[in-house]
Every structure is written in C-alpha cells, then in structure tokens.
PDB file of N, CA and C in Angstrom:
ATOM      1  N   MET A   1      -7.086  31.637 -33.950  1.00  0.00           N
ATOM      2  CA  MET A   1      -7.868  30.534 -33.265  1.00  0.00           C
ATOM      3  C   MET A   1      -7.728  30.793 -32.055  1.00  0.00           C
ATOM      4  N   ASN A   2      -8.996  31.102 -31.698  1.00  0.00           N
ATOM      5  CA  ASN A   2      -9.077  31.392 -30.130  1.00  0.00           C
ATOM      6  C   ASN A   2      -9.485  30.479 -29.911  1.00  0.00           C
ATOM      7  N   ASN A   3      -9.776  30.109 -28.588  1.00  0.00           N
ATOM      8  CA  ASN A   3     -10.326  29.150 -27.789  1.00  0.00           C
ATOM      9  C   ASN A   3     -11.400  28.624 -27.340  1.00  0.00           C
ATOM     10  N   SER A   4     -11.958  29.442 -27.714  1.00  0.00           N
ATOM     11  CA  SER A   4     -13.756  28.650 -28.132  1.00  0.00           C
ATOM     12  C   SER A   4     -13.866  27.424 -29.608  1.00  0.00           C
ATOM     13  N   ASN A   5     -13.343  27.772 -30.518  1.00  0.00           N
ATOM     14  CA  ASN A   5     -13.205  27.831 -31.898  1.00  0.00           C
ATOM     15  C   ASN A   5     -12.485  26.569 -31.150  1.00  0.00           C
ATOM     16  N   GLU A   6     -11.328  26.290 -30.482  1.00  0.00           N
ATOM     17  CA  GLU A   6     -10.235  25.199 -30.401  1.00  0.00           C
ATOM     18  C   GLU A   6     -11.383  24.280 -28.970  1.00  0.00           C
ATOM     19  N   ALA A   7     -11.947  24.444 -28.311  1.00  0.00           N
ATOM     20  CA  ALA A   7     -12.849  23.688 -28.073  1.00  0.00           C
ATOM     21  C   ALA A   7     -13.749  22.363 -28.504  1.00  0.00           C
ATOM     22  N   ALA A   8     -14.406  23.561 -29.682  1.00  0.00           N
ATOM     23  CA  ALA A   8     -15.481  23.334 -30.719  1.00  0.00           C
ATOM     24  C   ALA A   8     -14.684  22.068 -31.165  1.00  0.00           C
ATOM     25  N   ILE A   9     -13.584  22.228 -31.570  1.00  0.00           N
ATOM     26  CA  ILE A   9     -12.794  21.223 -32.442  1.00  0.00           C
ATOM     27  C   ILE A   9     -12.446  20.209 -31.481  1.00  0.00           C
ATOM     28  N   VAL A  10     -11.549  20.156 -30.906  1.00  0.00           N
ATOM     29  CA  VAL A  10     -11.352  19.084 -29.717  1.00  0.00           C
ATOM     30  C   VAL A  10     -12.434  18.146 -29.296  1.00  0.00           C
ATOM     31  N   MET A  11     -13.720  18.535 -29.275  1.00  0.00           N
ATOM     32  CA  MET A  11     -14.734  18.118 -28.436  1.00  0.00           C
ATOM     33  C   MET A  11     -15.292  17.497 -29.950  1.00  0.00           C
ATOM     34  N   GLN A  12     -15.110  17.649 -31.108  1.00  0.00           N
ATOM     35  CA  GLN A  12     -16.197  17.248 -32.412  1.00  0.00           C
ATOM     36  C   GLN A  12     -15.246  15.955 -32.732  1.00  0.00           C
ATOM     37  N   LEU A  13     -13.258  15.985 -32.522  1.00  0.00           N
ATOM     38  CA  LEU A  13     -12.876  14.779 -32.747  1.00  0.00           C
ATOM     39  C   LEU A  13     -12.553  13.813 -31.622  1.00  0.00           C
ATOM     40  N   ALA A  14     -13.348  14.189 -30.632  1.00  0.00           N
ATOM     41  CA  ALA A  14     -13.664  13.221 -29.983  1.00  0.00           C
ATOM     42  C   ALA A  14     -14.684  12.263 -29.582  1.00  0.00           C
ATOM     43  N   ALA A  15     -15.788  12.782 -30.358  1.00  0.00           N
ATOM     44  CA  ALA A  15     -16.890  12.914 -30.602  1.00  0.00           C
ATOM     45  C   ALA A  15     -16.640  11.455 -32.120  1.00  0.00           C
ATOM     46  N   TYR A  16     -16.060  12.225 -32.852  1.00  0.00           N
ATOM     47  CA  TYR A  16     -15.615  11.248 -33.427  1.00  0.00           C
ATOM     48  C   TYR A  16     -15.033  10.251 -33.878  1.00  0.00           C
ATOM     49  N   ILE A  17     -14.297   9.914 -32.430  1.00  0.00           N
ATOM     50  CA  ILE A  17     -13.003   8.874 -32.320  1.00  0.00           C
ATOM     51  C   ILE A  17     -14.001   7.550 -31.585  1.00  0.00           C
ATOM     52  N   ARG A  18     -14.941   8.925 -30.548  1.00  0.00           N
ATOM     53  CA  ARG A  18     -16.433   7.980 -30.188  1.00  0.00           C
ATOM     54  C   ARG A  18     -16.908   7.083 -31.102  1.00  0.00           C
ATOM     55  N   ASN A  19     -17.419   7.667 -32.517  1.00  0.00           N
ATOM     56  CA  ASN A  19     -18.476   7.009 -33.019  1.00  0.00           C
ATOM     57  C   ASN A  19     -17.918   6.178 -34.317  1.00  0.00           C
ATOM     58  N   LEU A  20     -16.397   5.779 -33.792  1.00  0.00           N
ATOM     59  CA  LEU A  20     -15.625   5.304 -34.353  1.00  0.00           C
ATOM     60  C   LEU A  20     -15.539   3.983 -34.172  1.00  0.00           C
ATOM     61  N   GLY A  21     -16.218   3.881 -32.260  1.00  0.00           N
ATOM     62  CA  GLY A  21     -16.002   2.158 -31.643  1.00  0.00           C
ATOM     63  C   GLY A  21     -15.368   2.458 -29.988  1.00  0.00           C
ATOM     64  N   PHE A  22     -14.203   3.627 -30.107  1.00  0.00           N
ATOM     65  CA  PHE A  22     -13.020   3.574 -28.619  1.00  0.00           C
ATOM     66  C   PHE A  22     -14.123   4.469 -28.209  1.00  0.00           C
ATOM     67  N   GLN A  23     -13.204   4.621 -26.424  1.00  0.00           N
ATOM     68  CA  GLN A  23     -13.684   5.730 -26.096  1.00  0.00           C
ATOM     69  C   GLN A  23     -12.747   6.870 -26.282  1.00  0.00           C
ATOM     70  N   ALA A  24     -12.948   7.968 -25.914  1.00  0.00           N
ATOM     71  CA  ALA A  24     -12.215   8.925 -26.122  1.00  0.00           C
ATOM     72  C   ALA A  24     -12.388  10.046 -25.312  1.00  0.00           C
ATOM     73  N   ILE A  25     -12.300  11.032 -24.796  1.00  0.00           N
ATOM     74  CA  ILE A  25     -12.057  12.100 -23.551  1.00  0.00           C
ATOM     75  C   ILE A  25     -11.247  13.406 -24.260  1.00  0.00           C
ATOM     76  N   ALA A  26     -12.017  14.111 -24.655  1.00  0.00           N
ATOM     77  CA  ALA A  26     -11.558  15.555 -25.118  1.00  0.00           C
ATOM     78  C   ALA A  26     -10.720  16.764 -24.052  1.00  0.00           C
ATOM     79  N   SER A  27      -9.768  17.454 -23.658  1.00  0.00           N
ATOM     80  CA  SER A  27      -8.996  17.988 -22.609  1.00  0.00           C
ATOM     81  C   SER A  27      -8.570  19.284 -23.615  1.00  0.00           C
ATOM     82  N   MET A  28      -8.489  20.358 -22.633  1.00  0.00           N
ATOM     83  CA  MET A  28      -7.991  22.100 -23.144  1.00  0.00           C
ATOM     84  C   MET A  28      -6.102  21.640 -22.068  1.00  0.00           C
ATOM     85  N   ASN A  29      -6.291  21.940 -21.411  1.00  0.00           N
ATOM     86  CA  ASN A  29      -5.051  22.465 -20.491  1.00  0.00           C
ATOM     87  C   ASN A  29      -5.659  21.857 -18.870  1.00  0.00           C
ATOM     88  N   ASP A  30      -6.598  21.255 -18.940  1.00  0.00           N
ATOM     89  CA  ASP A  30      -7.327  21.137 -17.550  1.00  0.00           C
ATOM     90  C   ASP A  30      -6.914  19.979 -16.866  1.00  0.00           C
ATOM     91  N   THR A  31      -6.891  18.554 -17.950  1.00  0.00           N
ATOM     92  CA  THR A  31      -6.929  17.347 -17.748  1.00  0.00           C
ATOM     93  C   THR A  31      -5.689  16.993 -17.504  1.00  0.00           C
ATOM     94  N   ALA A  32      -4.121  17.364 -18.588  1.00  0.00           N
ATOM     95  CA  ALA A  32      -2.877  17.128 -18.073  1.00  0.00           C
ATOM     96  C   ALA A  32      -2.331  17.871 -19.086  1.00  0.00           C
ATOM     97  N   LEU A  33      -0.840  18.108 -18.675  1.00  0.00           N
ATOM     98  CA  LEU A  33       0.025  19.072 -19.306  1.00  0.00           C
ATOM     99  C   LEU A  33       0.549  18.435 -20.510  1.00  0.00           C
ATOM    100  N   VAL A  34       0.155  19.139 -21.319  1.00  0.00           N
ATOM    101  CA  VAL A  34       0.458  19.284 -22.778  1.00  0.00           C
ATOM    102  C   VAL A  34       0.782  19.041 -23.650  1.00  0.00           C
ATOM    103  N   ILE A  35       2.016  19.943 -23.225  1.00  0.00           N
ATOM    104  CA  ILE A  35       3.361  20.319 -23.619  1.00  0.00           C
ATOM    105  C   ILE A  35       4.194  19.153 -23.871  1.00  0.00           C
ATOM    106  N   PRO A  36       4.008  18.133 -22.951  1.00  0.00           N
ATOM    107  CA  PRO A  36       5.379  17.096 -22.326  1.00  0.00           C
ATOM    108  C   PRO A  36       4.735  15.490 -23.718  1.00  0.00           C
ATOM    109  N   TYR A  37       3.009  15.996 -23.375  1.00  0.00           N
ATOM    110  CA  TYR A  37       3.049  14.569 -24.913  1.00  0.00           C
ATOM    111  C   TYR A  37       2.878  15.720 -26.390  1.00  0.00           C
ATOM    112  N   ALA A  38       3.055  16.922 -26.473  1.00  0.00           N
ATOM    113  CA  ALA A  38       3.521  17.397 -27.619  1.00  0.00           C
ATOM    114  C   ALA A  38       4.763  16.800 -27.829  1.00  0.00           C
ATOM    115  N   ILE A  39       5.278  16.859 -27.520  1.00  0.00           N
ATOM    116  CA  ILE A  39       7.007  16.682 -27.557  1.00  0.00           C
ATOM    117  C   ILE A  39       7.283  15.281 -27.616  1.00  0.00           C
ATOM    118  N   LYS A  40       6.107  13.887 -27.244  1.00  0.00           N
ATOM    119  CA  LYS A  40       6.125  12.581 -26.974  1.00  0.00           C
ATOM    120  C   LYS A  40       6.188  12.076 -28.082  1.00  0.00           C
ATOM    121  N   ALA A  41       4.596  13.248 -29.037  1.00  0.00           N
ATOM    122  CA  ALA A  41       3.978  12.924 -29.960  1.00  0.00           C
ATOM    123  C   ALA A  41       5.286  13.481 -31.578  1.00  0.00           C
ATOM    124  N   GLY A  42       5.915  14.090 -31.449  1.00  0.00           N
ATOM    125  CA  GLY A  42       6.774  14.294 -32.007  1.00  0.00           C
ATOM    126  C   GLY A  42       6.458  15.708 -32.732  1.00  0.00           C
ATOM    127  N   LEU A  43       5.853  16.106 -31.792  1.00  0.00           N
ATOM    128  CA  LEU A  43       5.108  17.815 -32.553  1.00  0.00           C
ATOM    129  C   LEU A  43       6.112  19.072 -32.979  1.00  0.00           C
ATOM    130  N   GLY A  44       6.843  18.770 -31.791  1.00  0.00           N
ATOM    131  CA  GLY A  44       8.315  19.928 -32.076  1.00  0.00           C
ATOM    132  C   GLY A  44       9.010  19.635 -30.652  1.00  0.00           C
ATOM    133  N   GLU A  45       9.581  20.211 -30.034  1.00  0.00           N
ATOM    134  CA  GLU A  45      10.395  19.959 -28.873  1.00  0.00           C
ATOM    135  C   GLU A  45      11.098  20.934 -28.171  1.00  0.00           C
ATOM    136  N   TYR A  46      11.157  20.884 -27.140  1.00  0.00           N
ATOM    137  CA  TYR A  46      11.718  21.853 -26.256  1.00  0.00           C
ATOM    138  C   TYR A  46      12.323  22.669 -26.025  1.00  0.00           C
ATOM    139  N   GLY A  47      11.661  23.835 -25.795  1.00  0.00           N
ATOM    140  CA  GLY A  47      12.741  25.325 -26.416  1.00  0.00           C
ATOM    141  C   GLY A  47      12.974  25.539 -24.944  1.00  0.00           C
ATOM    142  N   ARG A  48      14.084  26.855 -24.905  1.00  0.00           N
ATOM    143  CA  ARG A  48      14.759  27.469 -23.980  1.00  0.00           C
ATOM    144  C   ARG A  48      13.602  28.700 -22.768  1.00  0.00           C
ATOM    145  N   ASN A  49      12.833  28.609 -24.148  1.00  0.00           N
ATOM    146  CA  ASN A  49      11.677  29.734 -23.350  1.00  0.00           C
ATOM    147  C   ASN A  49      10.783  29.130 -22.978  1.00  0.00           C
ATOM    148  N   GLN A  50      10.695  27.464 -22.593  1.00  0.00           N
ATOM    149  CA  GLN A  50       9.667  26.490 -22.019  1.00  0.00           C
ATOM    150  C   GLN A  50       7.984  26.633 -22.497  1.00  0.00           C
ATOM    151  N   MET A  51       8.410  26.501 -24.006  1.00  0.00           N
ATOM    152  CA  MET A  51       6.964  26.904 -24.881  1.00  0.00           C
ATOM    153  C   MET A  51       7.584  25.133 -26.199  1.00  0.00           C
ATOM    154  N   VAL A  52       6.933  25.495 -26.772  1.00  0.00           N
ATOM    155  CA  VAL A  52       6.913  23.738 -28.221  1.00  0.00           C
ATOM    156  C   VAL A  52       7.281  24.765 -29.244  1.00  0.00           C
ATOM    157  N   LEU A  53       8.827  23.865 -29.496  1.00  0.00           N
ATOM    158  CA  LEU A  53       9.272  25.021 -30.663  1.00  0.00           C
ATOM    159  C   LEU A  53       8.555  24.010 -31.910  1.00  0.00           C
ATOM    160  N   THR A  54       7.894  24.598 -32.599  1.00  0.00           N
ATOM    161  CA  THR A  54       7.800  23.245 -34.241  1.00  0.00           C
ATOM    162  C   THR A  54       8.885  24.110 -35.252  1.00  0.00           C
ATOM    163  N   LEU A  55       8.903  23.449 -36.533  1.00  0.00           N
ATOM    164  CA  LEU A  55       9.658  23.865 -37.263  1.00  0.00           C
ATOM    165  C   LEU A  55       8.672  25.376 -38.350  1.00  0.00           C
ATOM    166  N   GLU A  56       6.906  24.757 -38.327  1.00  0.00           N
ATOM    167  CA  GLU A  56       6.736  25.334 -38.975  1.00  0.00           C
ATOM    168  C   GLU A  56       6.367  27.104 -38.726  1.00  0.00           C
ATOM    169  N   VAL A  57       6.093  26.885 -37.257  1.00  0.00           N
ATOM    170  CA  VAL A  57       5.745  28.495 -36.328  1.00  0.00           C
ATOM    171  C   VAL A  57       6.604  28.914 -35.265  1.00  0.00           C
ATOM    172  N   GLY A  58       7.437  27.835 -35.256  1.00  0.00           N
ATOM    173  CA  GLY A  58       8.398  28.364 -33.980  1.00  0.00           C
ATOM    174  C   GLY A  58       7.192  28.405 -32.820  1.00  0.00           C
ATOM    175  N   PRO A  59       7.409  28.418 -31.620  1.00  0.00           N
ATOM    176  CA  PRO A  59       6.682  28.941 -30.107  1.00  0.00           C
ATOM    177  C   PRO A  59       5.224  29.103 -30.420  1.00  0.00           C
ATOM    178  N   ARG A  60       4.535  30.242 -31.577  1.00  0.00           N
ATOM    179  CA  ARG A  60       3.052  29.793 -31.539  1.00  0.00           C
ATOM    180  C   ARG A  60       2.441  28.959 -31.579  1.00  0.00           C
ATOM    181  N   VAL A  61       1.984  27.923 -30.906  1.00  0.00           N
ATOM    182  CA  VAL A  61       1.820  26.807 -30.675  1.00  0.00           C
ATOM    183  C   VAL A  61       0.502  27.038 -29.726  1.00  0.00           C
ATOM    184  N   GLN A  62      -0.642  26.630 -29.555  1.00  0.00           N
ATOM    185  CA  GLN A  62      -1.377  26.367 -28.813  1.00  0.00           C
ATOM    186  C   GLN A  62      -1.840  24.743 -29.245  1.00  0.00           C
ATOM    187  N   PHE A  63      -1.863  24.112 -28.015  1.00  0.00           N
ATOM    188  CA  PHE A  63      -2.138  22.739 -28.020  1.00  0.00           C
ATOM    189  C   PHE A  63      -3.834  22.775 -27.070  1.00  0.00           C
ATOM    190  N   ALA A  64      -4.742  21.337 -27.594  1.00  0.00           N
ATOM    191  CA  ALA A  64      -5.383  20.839 -26.823  1.00  0.00           C
ATOM    192  C   ALA A  64      -5.059  19.371 -26.833  1.00  0.00           C
ATOM    193  N   CYS A  65      -5.605  18.373 -26.300  1.00  0.00           N
ATOM    194  CA  CYS A  65      -5.427  16.725 -26.350  1.00  0.00           C
ATOM    195  C   CYS A  65      -6.846  16.338 -26.352  1.00  0.00           C
ATOM    196  N   GLY A  66      -6.630  14.953 -26.549  1.00  0.00           N
ATOM    197  CA  GLY A  66      -8.138  14.210 -26.544  1.00  0.00           C
ATOM    198  C   GLY A  66      -7.014  12.711 -26.003  1.00  0.00           C
ATOM    199  N   PHE A  67      -7.683  12.099 -25.477  1.00  0.00           N
ATOM    200  CA  PHE A  67      -7.675  10.907 -24.822  1.00  0.00           C
ATOM    201  C   PHE A  67      -7.993   9.421 -25.394  1.00  0.00           C
ATOM    202  N   ALA A  68      -8.259   8.884 -26.374  1.00  0.00           N
ATOM    203  CA  ALA A  68      -8.367   7.520 -26.587  1.00  0.00           C
ATOM    204  C   ALA A  68      -7.970   5.918 -26.357  1.00  0.00           C
ATOM    205  N   ARG A  69      -8.396   5.362 -26.261  1.00  0.00           N
ATOM    206  CA  ARG A  69      -8.035   3.908 -25.726  1.00  0.00           C
ATOM    207  C   ARG A  69      -7.807   3.189 -27.636  1.00  0.00           C
ATOM    208  N   SER A  70      -6.872   3.488 -28.009  1.00  0.00           N
ATOM    209  CA  SER A  70      -6.991   2.273 -29.188  1.00  0.00           C
ATOM    210  C   SER A  70      -4.912   2.288 -29.223  1.00  0.00           C
ATOM    211  N   THR A  71      -5.059   1.052 -30.022  1.00  0.00           N
ATOM    212  CA  THR A  71      -3.708   1.180 -30.414  1.00  0.00           C
ATOM    213  C   THR A  71      -2.934   1.582 -31.509  1.00  0.00           C
ATOM    214  N   THR A  72      -1.832   1.781 -31.540  1.00  0.00           N
ATOM    215  CA  THR A  72      -1.702   2.385 -31.960  1.00  0.00           C
ATOM    216  C   THR A  72      -0.139   1.846 -32.334  1.00  0.00           C
ATOM    217  N   THR A  73       1.116   2.550 -33.732  1.00  0.00           N
ATOM    218  CA  THR A  73       2.581   2.183 -33.769  1.00  0.00           C
ATOM    219  C   THR A  73       3.097   3.580 -33.178  1.00  0.00           C
ATOM    220  N   ILE A  74       4.527   3.247 -32.737  1.00  0.00           N
ATOM    221  CA  ILE A  74       5.124   4.288 -32.408  1.00  0.00           C
ATOM    222  C   ILE A  74       6.378   4.643 -33.312  1.00  0.00           C
ATOM    223  N   LYS A  75       6.390   5.581 -33.841  1.00  0.00           N
ATOM    224  CA  LYS A  75       8.129   5.668 -34.726  1.00  0.00           C
ATOM    225  C   LYS A  75       8.688   6.240 -34.886  1.00  0.00           C
ATOM    226  N   GLU A  76      10.127   6.288 -35.028  1.00  0.00           N
ATOM    227  CA  GLU A  76      11.393   7.192 -34.652  1.00  0.00           C
ATOM    228  C   GLU A  76      10.590   8.715 -35.015  1.00  0.00           C
ATOM    229  N   ARG A  77      11.181  10.101 -34.051  1.00  0.00           N
ATOM    230  CA  ARG A  77      10.760  11.013 -34.091  1.00  0.00           C
ATOM    231  C   ARG A  77      12.308  11.899 -34.200  1.00  0.00           C
ATOM    232  N   SER A  78      12.286  12.927 -34.787  1.00  0.00           N
ATOM    233  CA  SER A  78      13.529  13.197 -35.339  1.00  0.00           C
ATOM    234  C   SER A  78      13.406  14.258 -35.293  1.00  0.00           C
ATOM    235  N   GLY A  79      14.932  14.991 -33.669  1.00  0.00           N
ATOM    236  CA  GLY A  79      13.949  16.900 -33.286  1.00  0.00           C
ATOM    237  C   GLY A  79      14.629  18.319 -34.526  1.00  0.00           C
ATOM    238  N   ILE A  80      14.160  18.765 -33.969  1.00  0.00           N
ATOM    239  CA  ILE A  80      14.428  20.323 -35.677  1.00  0.00           C
ATOM    240  C   ILE A  80      15.706  20.457 -34.713  1.00  0.00           C
ATOM    241  N   GLY A  81      17.024  20.554 -33.629  1.00  0.00           N
ATOM    242  CA  GLY A  81      17.537  21.343 -33.735  1.00  0.00           C
ATOM    243  C   GLY A  81      17.610  22.801 -33.305  1.00  0.00           C
ATOM    244  N   GLY A  82      16.570  23.061 -32.117  1.00  0.00           N
ATOM    245  CA  GLY A  82      16.162  24.237 -31.981  1.00  0.00           C
ATOM    246  C   GLY A  82      17.061  24.783 -30.260  1.00  0.00           C
ATOM    247  N   ASN A  83      17.816  23.201 -29.823  1.00  0.00           N
ATOM    248  CA  ASN A  83      18.542  23.320 -28.465  1.00  0.00           C
ATOM    249  C   ASN A  83      19.886  23.356 -28.711  1.00  0.00           C
ATOM    250  N   VAL A  84      20.589  23.609 -29.798  1.00  0.00           N
ATOM    251  CA  VAL A  84      21.894  23.429 -30.111  1.00  0.00           C
ATOM    252  C   VAL A  84      22.174  24.156 -29.925  1.00  0.00           C
ATOM    253  N   MET A  85      23.473  24.682 -28.908  1.00  0.00           N
ATOM    254  CA  MET A  85      24.544  25.929 -29.313  1.00  0.00           C
ATOM    255  C   MET A  85      25.595  26.181 -29.317  1.00  0.00           C
ATOM    256  N   VAL A  86      26.082  26.573 -30.187  1.00  0.00           N
ATOM    257  CA  VAL A  86      27.102  27.528 -31.222  1.00  0.00           C
ATOM    258  C   VAL A  86      28.267  27.803 -29.548  1.00  0.00           C
ATOM    259  N   ALA A  87      29.469  26.746 -29.802  1.00  0.00           N
ATOM    260  CA  ALA A  87      29.910  26.711 -28.846  1.00  0.00           C
ATOM    261  C   ALA A  87      30.594  28.253 -28.302  1.00  0.00           C
ATOM    262  N   PRO A  88      31.416  28.987 -29.293  1.00  0.00           N
ATOM    263  CA  PRO A  88      31.860  30.802 -28.837  1.00  0.00           C
ATOM    264  C   PRO A  88      30.925  31.277 -28.389  1.00  0.00           C
ATOM    265  N   CYS A  89      29.900  31.018 -28.963  1.00  0.00           N
ATOM    266  CA  CYS A  89      29.301  32.664 -28.502  1.00  0.00           C
ATOM    267  C   CYS A  89      27.970  32.000 -27.835  1.00  0.00           C
ATOM    268  N   ARG A  90      27.670  30.896 -27.486  1.00  0.00           N
ATOM    269  CA  ARG A  90      26.268  30.923 -27.205  1.00  0.00           C
ATOM    270  C   ARG A  90      24.836  31.307 -27.350  1.00  0.00           C
ATOM    271  N   ALA A  91      25.099  30.993 -29.138  1.00  0.00           N
ATOM    272  CA  ALA A  91      23.581  31.930 -30.134  1.00  0.00           C
ATOM    273  C   ALA A  91      22.932  30.051 -29.656  1.00  0.00           C
ATOM    274  N   VAL A  92      21.611  30.375 -29.889  1.00  0.00           N
ATOM    275  CA  VAL A  92      20.484  29.674 -30.288  1.00  0.00           C
ATOM    276  C   VAL A  92      20.188  29.488 -31.547  1.00  0.00           C
ATOM    277  N   VAL A  93      20.470  27.900 -32.101  1.00  0.00           N
ATOM    278  CA  VAL A  93      20.852  27.792 -33.547  1.00  0.00           C
ATOM    279  C   VAL A  93      20.069  26.729 -34.001  1.00  0.00           C
ATOM    280  N   GLY A  94      19.376  27.222 -35.284  1.00  0.00           N
ATOM    281  CA  GLY A  94      17.959  26.191 -35.220  1.00  0.00           C
ATOM    282  C   GLY A  94      16.655  27.463 -35.892  1.00  0.00           C
TER     283      GLY A  94
END
C-alpha cells in the first residue's frame, strides 16, 4: 500500500466516524507521533530498531491515525516478547 492509498483510507475512516455523529480528524505522520499511539493501542511493542514490532508482520508496518471524541473502554494489553534478552549471548528472543 502506498501513501496515497493510506491517505484515502484514513480520510474515509474519519468521514465515517463524523457521519456517526462524533468529531474526527484524519492524520498521517504530521499531526502526532504515531508510534507511541500504536503501542498504547496495543498494536505491537517498541523494538530495539525504534519501530513498532507486530506479531503478524514484524516491523514492516506503516501507521496513520485518526482522532475522535467518543467514549471508549480500555482493556489490558499483552506483550509479544520482542525485547526479551537471553542473558548469556544477549540475542533477542521473540
């Protein structure tokens, strides 16, 4: 997926949320730091390569975000273990 497709999708998602009656703003990488938001949302965890690591595709992800005013429920997130270090050889396990 290229950036123009990603921009179109995030704009359509924001329009859908606005049509539901909420305030929504679409954003790529210019309005907020998306990596901390992605980690907080439970989409992955922060890797040693300064990227978000996911179970499905590793660090090969690109994020866009949308801001909306609504009520949400927060659930406990679980780590994928990407930053667990083996003591003797210091190799990354995960």
